[in-house]
Amino acid sequence: MNNPPTTSPQRLMSLDALRGFDMFWILGADSLFYALHEMKANPVTSFLAYELDHAEWAGFHAYDLIFPLFVFMMGVSTVFSLTRILAQEGRAAAVNRVLRRGLLLIVIGLIYSGGFTNPWPDMRLMGVLNRIGLVYTFGGLLFIFLRPRALAGVAIGILVGYWALLALVPFPDVRPMPGGLDVISKEAGFTNVDQLNFASTNFIRHFYIQGVNLTDYIDQKYLPGRKYDGTYDPEGILSTLPAIVTGLLGIFAGLFLRQPGFSDRQKVLRLLAAGAACAALGWLWALDFPVIKKIWSSSFVLVAGGYSLMLLGTFYWIVDVKQWRAWCQPFVWIGMNPLTLYLTSNFLGGLGFEKLARRLTGGPVKIFFDTHVAPGFGELVISLTAVGLFLWYARFLYQRKIFLRL
């Protein structure tokens, strides 16, 4: 078991600000740049629109960092919250908290994905919150029972083991015409597993094509219910294993930030250096194991983890060391209440706050701005309204100290 100091350090505002910065894009701030691009496309808006969209398969866009960054920060927070519980209440209480919170996140994830809106099997069992719940559970338990060196061994073992599984284990080529169509996805017209040939006797391995790899095959064959991408799920069974390592990278960062033997400047420089090394190793590994978010490849874990470490180091230097905080207050409002805002956006339906914004500034209001200001300006007004709504809501909750804690 870890033997942390019993003193409770001051809350890291940088972590709240970074979490809020991450959620800022999830809640719809990306629509601002899409609207600007549609209104007047230029090289800058084209670049931003490209980066604020997920890579369809292999590759890495800025928007692909949103989810792993949140998982990484959850790992950082795990160190601070569980260290306090371990010191004050003991291991049993810490285990109880991890199991209870993980289960609640999974249940909320099922509700978020539609719950019992549709009859079985049109129900999604895996999803973003479900994955967060699973990663928190396993990462939290590993933190409680293992020392840092053993945690590092587990992380390396999972990443190498995941690569070995996908590179070495043969699986049936379930495409209707083996070796013909390269992709099995909704975009390619595959909407359910009944379109696949599970009786195939053509076995393949070391494939990383969309829908044609061991990770997706396991989802196609063994994951019940509705899959997000038709025949497989990007938050599926096997890819949850490397996602645990993303959480462990956050735990390593949290453990390092708690170390008393380093100055703030040393902590920042080491976070930045570790992040750069991690990302470089990930891109090097990508020569054999591509960076693919939808199967959470080992190279993706390292690339996303490296960027997350560098972002944490940057925010830590600006917010906690230099105490430059006025600019990040809106992010702190969001970062203190991420789950509440995320669920509210879902319960509003569709695109959440953007859908509500359209009810306020769409229709004739949008037409007025498009006609009298500039074509496409109405869409920009809708996006600005949506951002204003969720910022107001986050500030309202923050000022009244309304925080959803599991």
Protein backbone atom coordinates (compact mmCIF):
# COMPACT_ATOMS: atom_id res chain seq x y z
CA MET A 1 0.00 0.00 0.00
CA ASN A 2 1.08 3.61 -0.59
CA ASN A 3 2.37 5.46 2.46
CA PRO A 4 1.47 9.11 1.71
CA PRO A 5 1.87 11.98 4.12
CA THR A 6 -1.14 12.61 6.28
CA THR A 7 -1.36 16.34 5.61
CA SER A 8 -3.97 17.42 3.09
CA PRO A 9 -2.47 19.75 0.48
CA GLN A 10 -4.25 22.79 -0.82
CA ARG A 11 -6.65 22.04 -3.65
CA LEU A 12 -5.02 22.45 -7.05
CA MET A 13 -6.91 25.21 -8.83
CA SER A 14 -4.91 24.36 -11.94
CA LEU A 15 -6.54 20.93 -12.03
CA ASP A 16 -10.03 22.45 -11.76
CA ALA A 17 -9.16 24.98 -14.47
CA LEU A 18 -7.76 22.33 -16.80
CA ARG A 19 -10.80 20.13 -16.23
CA GLY A 20 -13.02 23.10 -17.01
CA PHE A 21 -10.98 23.91 -20.12
CA ASP A 22 -11.53 20.32 -21.26
CA MET A 23 -15.26 20.41 -20.55
CA PHE A 24 -15.54 23.80 -22.28
CA TRP A 25 -15.08 22.04 -25.62
CA ILE A 26 -17.27 19.07 -24.72
CA LEU A 27 -20.17 21.38 -23.88
CA GLY A 28 -20.10 22.98 -27.31
CA ALA A 29 -17.45 25.71 -27.58
CA ASP A 30 -16.17 24.01 -30.74
CA SER A 31 -19.35 25.18 -32.50
CA LEU A 32 -18.00 28.75 -32.34
CA PHE A 33 -15.15 27.85 -34.67
CA TYR A 34 -17.36 25.78 -36.95
CA ALA A 35 -19.65 28.80 -37.28
CA LEU A 36 -16.72 31.12 -38.03
CA HIS A 37 -15.46 28.65 -40.63
CA GLU A 38 -18.87 28.44 -42.31
CA MET A 39 -19.24 32.22 -42.27
CA LYS A 40 -15.84 33.01 -43.77
CA ALA A 41 -13.50 30.13 -44.47
CA ASN A 42 -9.77 30.88 -44.41
CA PRO A 43 -6.63 28.89 -43.61
CA VAL A 44 -6.95 29.62 -39.87
CA THR A 45 -10.61 28.61 -39.57
CA SER A 46 -9.98 25.57 -41.79
CA PHE A 47 -7.16 24.44 -39.50
CA LEU A 48 -9.26 24.95 -36.37
CA ALA A 49 -12.27 23.17 -37.85
CA TYR A 50 -10.00 20.25 -38.77
CA GLU A 51 -8.43 20.04 -35.31
CA LEU A 52 -11.81 20.36 -33.54
CA ASP A 53 -13.12 17.20 -35.17
CA HIS A 54 -12.17 13.62 -34.33
CA ALA A 55 -9.88 11.68 -36.61
CA GLU A 56 -12.09 9.14 -38.35
CA TRP A 57 -9.64 6.34 -37.57
CA ALA A 58 -5.82 6.50 -37.47
CA GLY A 59 -4.20 9.83 -36.61
CA PHE A 60 -4.60 12.44 -33.93
CA HIS A 61 -6.54 15.71 -33.90
CA ALA A 62 -6.67 18.13 -30.97
CA TYR A 63 -10.26 17.04 -30.30
CA ASP A 64 -9.07 13.46 -29.79
CA LEU A 65 -7.38 14.66 -26.59
CA ILE A 66 -10.65 15.69 -24.90
CA PHE A 67 -11.66 12.27 -23.55
CA PRO A 68 -8.23 10.90 -22.53
CA LEU A 69 -7.36 14.24 -20.91
CA PHE A 70 -10.44 13.93 -18.70
CA VAL A 71 -9.52 10.33 -17.78
CA PHE A 72 -5.96 11.48 -17.04
CA MET A 73 -7.18 14.26 -14.74
CA MET A 74 -9.45 11.78 -12.98
CA GLY A 75 -6.28 9.83 -12.17
CA VAL A 76 -4.63 12.96 -10.74
CA SER A 77 -7.70 13.65 -8.59
CA THR A 78 -7.74 10.03 -7.42
CA VAL A 79 -4.38 10.50 -5.71
CA PHE A 80 -5.52 13.54 -3.73
CA SER A 81 -8.95 12.17 -2.73
CA LEU A 82 -7.93 8.61 -1.87
CA THR A 83 -4.74 9.66 -0.08
CA ARG A 84 -6.85 11.66 2.35
CA ILE A 85 -9.30 8.79 2.88
CA LEU A 86 -6.49 6.26 3.34
CA ALA A 87 -4.84 8.46 5.97
CA GLN A 88 -8.03 9.36 7.88
CA GLU A 89 -10.31 6.33 7.48
CA GLY A 90 -8.19 3.43 6.24
CA ARG A 91 -8.08 1.08 3.28
CA ALA A 92 -11.58 -0.40 3.71
CA ALA A 93 -13.18 3.05 3.47
CA ALA A 94 -11.14 3.88 0.39
CA VAL A 95 -12.16 0.62 -1.31
CA ASN A 96 -15.79 1.28 -0.44
CA ARG A 97 -15.61 4.77 -1.97
CA VAL A 98 -14.00 3.50 -5.17
CA LEU A 99 -16.53 0.71 -5.66
CA ARG A 100 -19.52 2.90 -4.84
CA ARG A 101 -18.43 5.78 -7.04
CA GLY A 102 -17.44 3.51 -9.93
CA LEU A 103 -20.79 1.72 -9.85
CA LEU A 104 -22.70 5.02 -9.76
CA LEU A 105 -20.78 6.31 -12.76
CA ILE A 106 -21.59 3.14 -14.70
CA VAL A 107 -25.29 3.36 -13.82
CA ILE A 108 -25.40 7.06 -14.75
CA GLY A 109 -23.63 6.14 -17.99
CA LEU A 110 -26.37 3.65 -18.84
CA ILE A 111 -29.00 6.31 -18.20
CA TYR A 112 -27.02 8.85 -20.24
CA SER A 113 -26.95 6.45 -23.21
CA GLY A 114 -30.74 6.15 -23.17
CA GLY A 115 -31.44 3.71 -20.36
CA PHE A 116 -34.69 1.88 -21.05
CA THR A 117 -35.85 4.31 -23.75
CA ASN A 118 -35.59 1.52 -26.34
CA PRO A 119 -36.26 -2.20 -25.84
CA TRP A 120 -33.44 -4.71 -25.75
CA PRO A 121 -31.23 -5.20 -27.73
CA ASP A 122 -31.38 -1.55 -28.82
CA MET A 123 -29.61 -0.45 -25.63
CA ARG A 124 -25.97 0.62 -25.33
CA LEU A 125 -24.08 -0.95 -22.44
CA MET A 126 -20.78 0.85 -22.96
CA GLY A 127 -20.13 4.58 -23.27
CA VAL A 128 -18.05 7.52 -22.08
CA LEU A 129 -19.29 7.59 -18.48
CA ASN A 130 -19.25 3.79 -18.31
CA ARG A 131 -15.60 3.80 -19.34
CA ILE A 132 -14.79 6.53 -16.83
CA GLY A 133 -16.48 4.44 -14.13
CA LEU A 134 -14.54 1.30 -15.06
CA VAL A 135 -11.21 3.13 -15.31
CA TYR A 136 -11.81 4.87 -11.98
CA THR A 137 -12.69 1.56 -10.30
CA PHE A 138 -9.68 -0.40 -11.51
CA GLY A 139 -7.29 2.54 -11.26
CA GLY A 140 -8.48 3.39 -7.76
CA LEU A 141 -8.14 -0.19 -6.52
CA LEU A 142 -4.67 -0.51 -8.03
CA PHE A 143 -3.65 2.74 -6.32
CA ILE A 144 -4.94 1.52 -2.96
CA PHE A 145 -3.18 -1.84 -3.04
CA LEU A 146 0.01 -1.29 -5.06
CA ARG A 147 3.10 0.84 -4.65
CA PRO A 148 4.18 3.19 -7.49
CA ARG A 149 6.78 0.77 -8.86
CA ALA A 150 4.19 -2.01 -9.10
CA LEU A 151 1.74 0.43 -10.70
CA ALA A 152 4.35 1.22 -13.35
CA GLY A 153 4.80 -2.50 -13.99
CA VAL A 154 1.05 -2.93 -14.44
CA ALA A 155 0.88 0.03 -16.84
CA ILE A 156 3.75 -1.25 -18.99
CA GLY A 157 2.35 -4.78 -18.91
CA ILE A 158 -1.07 -3.63 -20.12
CA LEU A 159 0.32 -1.50 -22.96
CA VAL A 160 2.72 -4.19 -24.20
CA GLY A 161 0.17 -6.95 -23.63
CA TYR A 162 -2.52 -5.05 -25.58
CA TRP A 163 -0.12 -4.58 -28.49
CA ALA A 164 0.80 -8.29 -28.37
CA LEU A 165 -2.85 -9.34 -28.43
CA LEU A 166 -3.67 -7.24 -31.47
CA ALA A 167 -0.43 -8.10 -33.27
CA LEU A 168 -0.17 -11.82 -32.57
CA VAL A 169 -3.61 -13.32 -31.84
CA PRO A 170 -5.43 -14.50 -35.00
CA PHE A 171 -9.14 -13.83 -35.45
CA PRO A 172 -11.69 -14.56 -38.22
CA ASP A 173 -11.97 -12.05 -41.04
CA VAL A 174 -15.70 -11.47 -40.67
CA ARG A 175 -16.05 -9.21 -43.69
CA PRO A 176 -18.67 -10.58 -46.14
CA MET A 177 -15.90 -10.72 -48.74
CA PRO A 178 -12.61 -11.37 -46.89
CA GLY A 179 -9.88 -9.09 -48.14
CA GLY A 180 -12.39 -7.14 -50.20
CA LEU A 181 -13.97 -4.21 -48.37
CA ASP A 182 -11.33 -2.70 -46.10
CA VAL A 183 -13.64 -1.02 -43.59
CA ILE A 184 -16.53 -2.28 -41.46
CA SER A 185 -18.26 0.80 -40.10
CA LYS A 186 -21.51 2.74 -40.21
CA GLU A 187 -19.96 5.02 -42.81
CA ALA A 188 -19.25 2.02 -45.02
CA GLY A 189 -22.84 0.81 -44.65
CA PHE A 190 -22.43 -1.76 -41.85
CA THR A 191 -25.01 -0.95 -39.21
CA ASN A 192 -25.27 -4.25 -37.30
CA VAL A 193 -23.36 -7.47 -36.75
CA ASP A 194 -25.86 -9.54 -38.74
CA GLN A 195 -24.12 -8.22 -41.87
CA LEU A 196 -20.85 -9.92 -40.86
CA ASN A 197 -19.61 -13.41 -41.71
CA PHE A 198 -18.85 -15.00 -38.35
CA ALA A 199 -18.48 -18.40 -40.05
CA SER A 200 -15.38 -17.19 -41.85
CA THR A 201 -12.46 -19.64 -41.84
CA ASN A 202 -10.00 -17.00 -43.03
CA PHE A 203 -7.97 -16.03 -39.96
CA ILE A 204 -5.91 -12.83 -39.86
CA ARG A 205 -3.79 -10.94 -37.33
CA HIS A 206 -1.82 -7.70 -37.00
CA PHE A 207 -4.69 -5.82 -38.65
CA TYR A 208 -5.59 -2.29 -37.57
CA ILE A 209 -8.30 -1.47 -40.12
CA GLN A 210 -11.55 0.12 -38.96
CA GLY A 211 -13.79 -2.74 -37.89
CA VAL A 212 -11.15 -5.31 -38.86
CA ASN A 213 -8.97 -5.82 -35.79
CA LEU A 214 -9.07 -7.99 -32.70
CA THR A 215 -10.53 -5.25 -30.48
CA ASP A 216 -13.48 -4.65 -32.79
CA TYR A 217 -13.94 -8.37 -33.42
CA ILE A 218 -14.39 -9.02 -29.70
CA ASP A 219 -17.06 -6.30 -29.57
CA GLN A 220 -18.73 -7.70 -32.69
CA LYS A 221 -18.77 -11.20 -31.27
CA TYR A 222 -19.24 -10.76 -27.53
CA LEU A 223 -20.53 -7.26 -26.67
CA PRO A 224 -24.33 -7.43 -26.38
CA GLY A 225 -26.72 -4.60 -27.11
CA ARG A 226 -26.30 -1.65 -29.44
CA LYS A 227 -22.82 -0.67 -30.57
CA TYR A 228 -22.11 3.02 -31.12
CA ASP A 229 -20.39 2.41 -34.46
CA GLY A 230 -22.78 -0.21 -35.74
CA THR A 231 -20.66 -3.35 -35.51
CA TYR A 232 -18.28 -2.28 -32.72
CA ASP A 233 -18.06 0.25 -29.92
CA PRO A 234 -15.22 2.77 -29.43
CA GLU A 235 -15.71 2.30 -25.67
CA GLY A 236 -15.82 -1.48 -26.00
CA ILE A 237 -14.55 -4.43 -23.98
CA LEU A 238 -10.87 -4.91 -24.80
CA SER A 239 -10.01 -1.22 -25.35
CA THR A 240 -10.98 -0.50 -21.74
CA LEU A 241 -7.69 -2.11 -20.65
CA PRO A 242 -5.35 0.52 -22.18
CA ALA A 243 -7.76 3.24 -21.04
CA ILE A 244 -6.92 2.16 -17.48
CA VAL A 245 -3.30 3.09 -18.21
CA THR A 246 -4.44 6.60 -19.18
CA GLY A 247 -5.86 6.88 -15.67
CA LEU A 248 -2.65 5.45 -14.21
CA LEU A 249 -0.60 8.12 -16.00
CA GLY A 250 -2.72 10.68 -14.17
CA ILE A 251 -2.07 8.84 -10.90
CA PHE A 252 1.69 9.02 -11.54
CA ALA A 253 1.37 12.76 -12.17
CA GLY A 254 -0.64 13.20 -8.96
CA LEU A 255 1.92 11.24 -6.94
CA PHE A 256 4.70 13.39 -8.37
CA LEU A 257 2.89 16.65 -7.59
CA ARG A 258 2.59 15.54 -3.96
CA GLN A 259 6.34 14.95 -3.64
CA PRO A 260 7.83 17.52 -1.19
CA GLY A 261 11.40 17.16 -2.45
CA PHE A 262 10.94 19.19 -5.64
CA SER A 263 10.47 22.89 -6.17
CA ASP A 264 7.54 24.15 -8.19
CA ARG A 265 9.87 24.96 -11.08
CA GLN A 266 11.31 21.44 -11.01
CA LYS A 267 7.82 19.95 -10.99
CA VAL A 268 6.78 21.99 -14.01
CA LEU A 269 9.93 21.17 -15.98
CA ARG A 270 9.69 17.47 -15.18
CA LEU A 271 6.02 17.31 -16.14
CA LEU A 272 6.81 18.99 -19.45
CA ALA A 273 9.83 16.76 -20.08
CA ALA A 274 7.95 13.59 -19.17
CA GLY A 275 5.08 14.63 -21.42
CA ALA A 276 7.38 15.29 -24.38
CA ALA A 277 9.15 11.95 -23.89
CA CYS A 278 5.85 10.09 -23.54
CA ALA A 279 4.40 11.64 -26.70
CA ALA A 280 7.61 10.99 -28.66
CA LEU A 281 7.61 7.33 -27.59
CA GLY A 282 3.97 7.06 -28.63
CA TRP A 283 4.62 8.46 -32.10
CA LEU A 284 7.60 6.12 -32.45
CA TRP A 285 5.44 3.13 -31.48
CA ALA A 286 2.85 4.32 -34.02
CA LEU A 287 5.19 3.12 -36.78
CA ASP A 288 4.01 -0.40 -35.87
CA PHE A 289 0.86 0.21 -33.77
CA PRO A 290 -1.01 3.24 -35.20
CA VAL A 291 -2.42 6.02 -33.02
CA ILE A 292 -6.13 5.15 -33.04
CA LYS A 293 -8.53 6.60 -30.48
CA LYS A 294 -11.41 4.26 -31.34
CA ILE A 295 -9.45 1.22 -30.17
CA TRP A 296 -7.40 3.24 -27.62
CA SER A 297 -4.16 1.84 -29.06
CA SER A 298 -1.09 1.73 -26.83
CA SER A 299 0.55 4.41 -28.96
CA PHE A 300 -2.58 6.57 -28.51
CA VAL A 301 -2.30 6.17 -24.72
CA LEU A 302 1.26 7.48 -24.78
CA VAL A 303 0.61 10.33 -27.21
CA ALA A 304 -2.52 11.53 -25.39
CA GLY A 305 -0.85 10.98 -22.01
CA GLY A 306 2.17 12.99 -23.10
CA TYR A 307 0.07 15.94 -24.22
CA SER A 308 -1.96 15.70 -21.01
CA LEU A 309 1.20 15.86 -18.90
CA MET A 310 2.37 18.95 -20.79
CA LEU A 311 -1.01 20.65 -20.40
CA LEU A 312 -1.04 19.88 -16.67
CA GLY A 313 2.47 21.27 -16.28
CA THR A 314 1.51 24.43 -18.17
CA PHE A 315 -1.67 25.02 -16.17
CA TYR A 316 0.13 24.22 -12.90
CA TRP A 317 2.80 26.83 -13.67
CA ILE A 318 0.35 29.54 -14.69
CA VAL A 319 -2.45 28.99 -12.16
CA ASP A 320 -0.83 27.55 -9.02
CA VAL A 321 2.76 28.75 -9.24
CA LYS A 322 2.46 32.19 -10.86
CA GLN A 323 -1.04 32.69 -9.39
CA TRP A 324 -2.38 34.17 -12.66
CA ARG A 325 -6.00 33.18 -12.09
CA ALA A 326 -8.41 35.86 -13.28
CA TRP A 327 -8.47 34.53 -16.85
CA CYS A 328 -9.38 30.98 -15.83
CA GLN A 329 -12.31 31.63 -13.49
CA PRO A 330 -14.93 30.50 -16.07
CA PHE A 331 -12.98 27.25 -16.48
CA VAL A 332 -12.93 26.78 -12.70
CA TRP A 333 -16.72 27.20 -12.57
CA ILE A 334 -17.03 24.42 -15.14
CA GLY A 335 -14.26 22.25 -13.69
CA MET A 336 -15.85 22.17 -10.25
CA ASN A 337 -19.09 20.74 -11.67
CA PRO A 338 -18.26 18.67 -14.76
CA LEU A 339 -20.73 15.85 -14.19
CA THR A 340 -23.65 18.19 -13.49
CA LEU A 341 -22.99 20.16 -16.66
CA TYR A 342 -22.45 17.04 -18.75
CA LEU A 343 -25.71 15.45 -17.59
CA THR A 344 -27.65 18.70 -17.95
CA SER A 345 -26.44 19.00 -21.54
CA ASN A 346 -27.64 15.44 -22.22
CA PHE A 347 -31.01 15.89 -20.54
CA LEU A 348 -31.64 19.02 -22.62
CA GLY A 349 -31.54 16.66 -25.60
CA GLY A 350 -29.61 16.59 -28.84
CA LEU A 351 -26.74 19.05 -28.68
CA GLY A 352 -27.70 20.20 -25.19
CA PHE A 353 -27.10 23.90 -24.63
CA GLU A 354 -26.88 24.51 -28.37
CA LYS A 355 -30.38 23.10 -28.80
CA LEU A 356 -31.67 25.46 -26.11
CA ALA A 357 -29.80 28.33 -27.78
CA ARG A 358 -31.56 27.59 -31.07
CA ARG A 359 -34.90 27.98 -29.34
CA LEU A 360 -33.83 31.44 -28.21
CA THR A 361 -31.89 32.76 -31.21
CA GLY A 362 -32.80 30.47 -34.09
CA GLY A 363 -35.52 30.84 -36.72
CA PRO A 364 -36.36 34.50 -37.44
CA VAL A 365 -33.53 35.77 -35.22
CA LYS A 366 -30.98 33.73 -37.16
CA ILE A 367 -32.48 34.86 -40.48
CA PHE A 368 -32.29 38.49 -39.38
CA PHE A 369 -28.57 38.27 -38.61
CA ASP A 370 -27.85 36.28 -41.78
CA THR A 371 -29.69 38.89 -43.85
CA HIS A 372 -28.66 42.15 -42.19
CA VAL A 373 -25.15 41.39 -40.88
CA ALA A 374 -23.51 38.62 -42.91
CA PRO A 375 -24.41 35.17 -44.24
CA GLY A 376 -23.69 32.63 -41.49
CA PHE A 377 -23.64 35.24 -38.71
CA GLY A 378 -26.88 33.83 -37.32
CA GLU A 379 -25.19 30.50 -36.65
CA LEU A 380 -22.39 32.30 -34.84
CA VAL A 381 -24.99 34.07 -32.65
CA ILE A 382 -26.52 30.68 -31.78
CA SER A 383 -23.10 29.31 -30.82
CA LEU A 384 -22.30 32.37 -28.71
CA THR A 385 -25.68 32.02 -26.98
CA ALA A 386 -25.00 28.35 -26.22
CA VAL A 387 -21.60 29.14 -24.71
CA GLY A 388 -23.12 31.99 -22.70
CA LEU A 389 -25.84 29.67 -21.38
CA PHE A 390 -23.53 26.97 -20.07
CA LEU A 391 -21.11 29.54 -18.63
CA TRP A 392 -23.98 31.26 -16.83
CA TYR A 393 -25.25 27.91 -15.53
CA ALA A 394 -21.77 26.89 -14.35
CA ARG A 395 -21.32 30.23 -12.55
CA PHE A 396 -24.79 29.94 -10.99
CA LEU A 397 -23.96 26.51 -9.54
CA TYR A 398 -20.51 27.62 -8.40
CA GLN A 399 -21.72 30.76 -6.60
CA ARG A 400 -24.40 28.79 -4.75
CA LYS A 401 -21.94 26.00 -3.94
CA ILE A 402 -24.07 23.39 -5.70
CA PHE A 403 -21.72 20.55 -6.58
CA LEU A 404 -22.67 17.02 -7.63
CA ARG A 405 -20.44 14.62 -5.71
CA LEU A 406 -20.72 10.85 -6.03
